[in-house]
Amino acid sequence: MHYLFRGDTLRIRDFEWDDGNALHIELVHGVKPEEAEEVFVASPLFRKTKKGHYAAMGPTLDGRYLTIVFELKNSGVDRVITGWDMTHAEKRFWSKHKHK
């Protein structure tokens, strides 16, 4: 998958899951790894975090609106760090900027 972000191309070829990140995102935030990956299907909105990671914002195939924070490794592997249901403020931001 290729995405444009601030003039640069993000290349994501795979997702990295292990017990650490998969259990965290599901048990702490109620987000299944499959749902996190679905956010990337529908042209998500990307933001850079203060810690240098990326946040992808968008809907799942079932219409759940999620924010997924991830690290993009040099090999094009997306390691999800955490994720959650978008807050009202995040939904407004996503709605305003999703087509830019």
C-alpha atoms as a PDB file:
ATOM      1  CA  MET A   1       0.000   0.000   0.000  1.00  0.00           C
ATOM      2  CA  HIS A   2       1.258   3.470  -0.820  1.00  0.00           C
ATOM      3  CA  TYR A   3       0.025   6.676   0.781  1.00  0.00           C
ATOM      4  CA  LEU A   4       0.956  10.314   0.397  1.00  0.00           C
ATOM      5  CA  PHE A   5       1.760  12.188   3.599  1.00  0.00           C
ATOM      6  CA  ARG A   6       3.021  15.769   3.451  1.00  0.00           C
ATOM      7  CA  GLY A   7       4.494  15.211  -0.001  1.00  0.00           C
ATOM      8  CA  ASP A   8       6.262  11.986   0.993  1.00  0.00           C
ATOM      9  CA  THR A   9       5.156   8.470   0.150  1.00  0.00           C
ATOM     10  CA  LEU A  10       4.505   6.042   2.998  1.00  0.00           C
ATOM     11  CA  ARG A  11       4.986   2.464   1.820  1.00  0.00           C
ATOM     12  CA  ILE A  12       3.349  -0.155   3.984  1.00  0.00           C
ATOM     13  CA  ARG A  13       3.903  -3.705   2.819  1.00  0.00           C
ATOM     14  CA  ASP A  14       2.936  -5.615   5.955  1.00  0.00           C
ATOM     15  CA  PHE A  15       1.833  -5.377   9.584  1.00  0.00           C
ATOM     16  CA  GLU A  16       3.856  -6.661  12.528  1.00  0.00           C
ATOM     17  CA  TRP A  17       1.828  -8.266  15.302  1.00  0.00           C
ATOM     18  CA  ASP A  18       2.958 -10.147  18.383  1.00  0.00           C
ATOM     19  CA  ASP A  19       1.432 -10.876  21.766  1.00  0.00           C
ATOM     20  CA  GLY A  20       2.573  -7.491  23.074  1.00  0.00           C
ATOM     21  CA  ASN A  21       0.853  -5.151  20.639  1.00  0.00           C
ATOM     22  CA  ALA A  22      -2.050  -7.449  19.669  1.00  0.00           C
ATOM     23  CA  LEU A  23      -3.058  -8.113  23.277  1.00  0.00           C
ATOM     24  CA  HIS A  24      -2.601  -4.480  24.295  1.00  0.00           C
ATOM     25  CA  ILE A  25      -4.765  -3.030  21.556  1.00  0.00           C
ATOM     26  CA  GLU A  26      -7.504  -5.632  22.050  1.00  0.00           C
ATOM     27  CA  LEU A  27      -7.595  -5.968  25.852  1.00  0.00           C
ATOM     28  CA  VAL A  28      -6.930  -2.342  26.779  1.00  0.00           C
ATOM     29  CA  HIS A  29      -8.725  -0.549  23.932  1.00  0.00           C
ATOM     30  CA  GLY A  30     -11.158  -3.146  22.552  1.00  0.00           C
ATOM     31  CA  VAL A  31      -9.702  -2.927  19.038  1.00  0.00           C
ATOM     32  CA  LYS A  32      -8.997  -6.167  17.178  1.00  0.00           C
ATOM     33  CA  PRO A  33      -5.817  -6.288  15.055  1.00  0.00           C
ATOM     34  CA  GLU A  34      -7.982  -6.903  11.964  1.00  0.00           C
ATOM     35  CA  GLU A  35      -9.901  -3.682  12.652  1.00  0.00           C
ATOM     36  CA  ALA A  36      -6.657  -1.743  12.986  1.00  0.00           C
ATOM     37  CA  GLU A  37      -5.546  -3.013   9.578  1.00  0.00           C
ATOM     38  CA  GLU A  38      -8.922  -2.123   8.042  1.00  0.00           C
ATOM     39  CA  VAL A  39      -8.314   1.570   8.788  1.00  0.00           C
ATOM     40  CA  PHE A  40      -5.573   1.488   6.144  1.00  0.00           C
ATOM     41  CA  VAL A  41      -7.932   0.175   3.444  1.00  0.00           C
ATOM     42  CA  ALA A  42     -10.023   3.334   3.009  1.00  0.00           C
ATOM     43  CA  SER A  43      -7.341   6.021   2.500  1.00  0.00           C
ATOM     44  CA  PRO A  44      -6.771   7.048   6.102  1.00  0.00           C
ATOM     45  CA  LEU A  45      -5.817  10.496   7.291  1.00  0.00           C
ATOM     46  CA  PHE A  46      -2.252  10.514   8.652  1.00  0.00           C
ATOM     47  CA  ARG A  47      -0.727  12.684  11.357  1.00  0.00           C
ATOM     48  CA  LYS A  48       2.719  12.685  12.901  1.00  0.00           C
ATOM     49  CA  THR A  49       2.790  12.268  16.694  1.00  0.00           C
ATOM     50  CA  LYS A  50       4.952  14.226  19.123  1.00  0.00           C
ATOM     51  CA  LYS A  51       7.028  11.085  19.705  1.00  0.00           C
ATOM     52  CA  GLY A  52       7.781  10.686  15.983  1.00  0.00           C
ATOM     53  CA  HIS A  53       5.300   7.917  15.246  1.00  0.00           C
ATOM     54  CA  TYR A  54       2.368   8.119  12.850  1.00  0.00           C
ATOM     55  CA  ALA A  55      -1.342   8.123  13.559  1.00  0.00           C
ATOM     56  CA  ALA A  56      -3.776   6.804  10.971  1.00  0.00           C
ATOM     57  CA  MET A  57      -7.391   7.909  11.349  1.00  0.00           C
ATOM     58  CA  GLY A  58     -10.325   6.376   9.531  1.00  0.00           C
ATOM     59  CA  PRO A  59     -13.226   3.946   9.498  1.00  0.00           C
ATOM     60  CA  THR A  60     -13.185   0.171   9.645  1.00  0.00           C
ATOM     61  CA  LEU A  61     -15.218  -1.855   7.165  1.00  0.00           C
ATOM     62  CA  ASP A  62     -18.040  -1.945   9.740  1.00  0.00           C
ATOM     63  CA  GLY A  63     -17.989   1.844  10.163  1.00  0.00           C
ATOM     64  CA  ARG A  64     -16.122   2.077  13.462  1.00  0.00           C
ATOM     65  CA  TYR A  65     -13.931   5.199  13.531  1.00  0.00           C
ATOM     66  CA  LEU A  66     -10.462   4.498  14.913  1.00  0.00           C
ATOM     67  CA  THR A  67      -7.169   6.230  15.527  1.00  0.00           C
ATOM     68  CA  ILE A  68      -4.229   3.841  15.117  1.00  0.00           C
ATOM     69  CA  VAL A  69      -0.730   4.855  16.264  1.00  0.00           C
ATOM     70  CA  PHE A  70       2.081   2.993  14.555  1.00  0.00           C
ATOM     71  CA  GLU A  71       5.789   2.893  13.874  1.00  0.00           C
ATOM     72  CA  LEU A  72       6.821   2.529  10.245  1.00  0.00           C
ATOM     73  CA  LYS A  73      10.004   0.506  10.023  1.00  0.00           C
ATOM     74  CA  ASN A  74      12.538   0.913   7.219  1.00  0.00           C
ATOM     75  CA  SER A  75      11.391  -2.281   5.553  1.00  0.00           C
ATOM     76  CA  GLY A  76       7.855  -0.927   5.099  1.00  0.00           C
ATOM     77  CA  VAL A  77       6.505  -2.879   8.050  1.00  0.00           C
ATOM     78  CA  ASP A  78       3.806  -1.171  10.113  1.00  0.00           C
ATOM     79  CA  ARG A  79       4.075  -2.019  13.813  1.00  0.00           C
ATOM     80  CA  VAL A  80       0.895  -0.917  15.527  1.00  0.00           C
ATOM     81  CA  ILE A  81       1.608   0.578  18.943  1.00  0.00           C
ATOM     82  CA  THR A  82      -1.913   1.372  20.108  1.00  0.00           C
ATOM     83  CA  GLY A  83      -5.342   2.364  18.891  1.00  0.00           C
ATOM     84  CA  TRP A  84      -8.697   3.601  20.126  1.00  0.00           C
ATOM     85  CA  ASP A  85     -12.124   4.788  19.079  1.00  0.00           C
ATOM     86  CA  MET A  86     -11.856   8.344  17.796  1.00  0.00           C
ATOM     87  CA  THR A  87     -12.874  11.038  20.237  1.00  0.00           C
ATOM     88  CA  HIS A  88     -15.439  13.630  19.147  1.00  0.00           C
ATOM     89  CA  ALA A  89     -12.600  16.090  18.492  1.00  0.00           C
ATOM     90  CA  GLU A  90     -10.726  13.519  16.376  1.00  0.00           C
ATOM     91  CA  LYS A  91     -13.878  12.769  14.369  1.00  0.00           C
ATOM     92  CA  ARG A  92     -14.336  16.492  13.645  1.00  0.00           C
ATOM     93  CA  PHE A  93     -10.679  16.801  12.610  1.00  0.00           C
ATOM     94  CA  TRP A  94     -10.902  13.678  10.415  1.00  0.00           C
ATOM     95  CA  SER A  95     -14.130  14.876   8.811  1.00  0.00           C
ATOM     96  CA  LYS A  96     -12.644  18.289   8.063  1.00  0.00           C
ATOM     97  CA  HIS A  97      -9.335  17.024   6.629  1.00  0.00           C
ATOM     98  CA  LYS A  98     -10.049  13.560   5.183  1.00  0.00           C
ATOM     99  CA  HIS A  99     -10.216  14.658   1.539  1.00  0.00           C
ATOM    100  CA  LYS A 100      -7.294  17.089   1.472  1.00  0.00           C
END
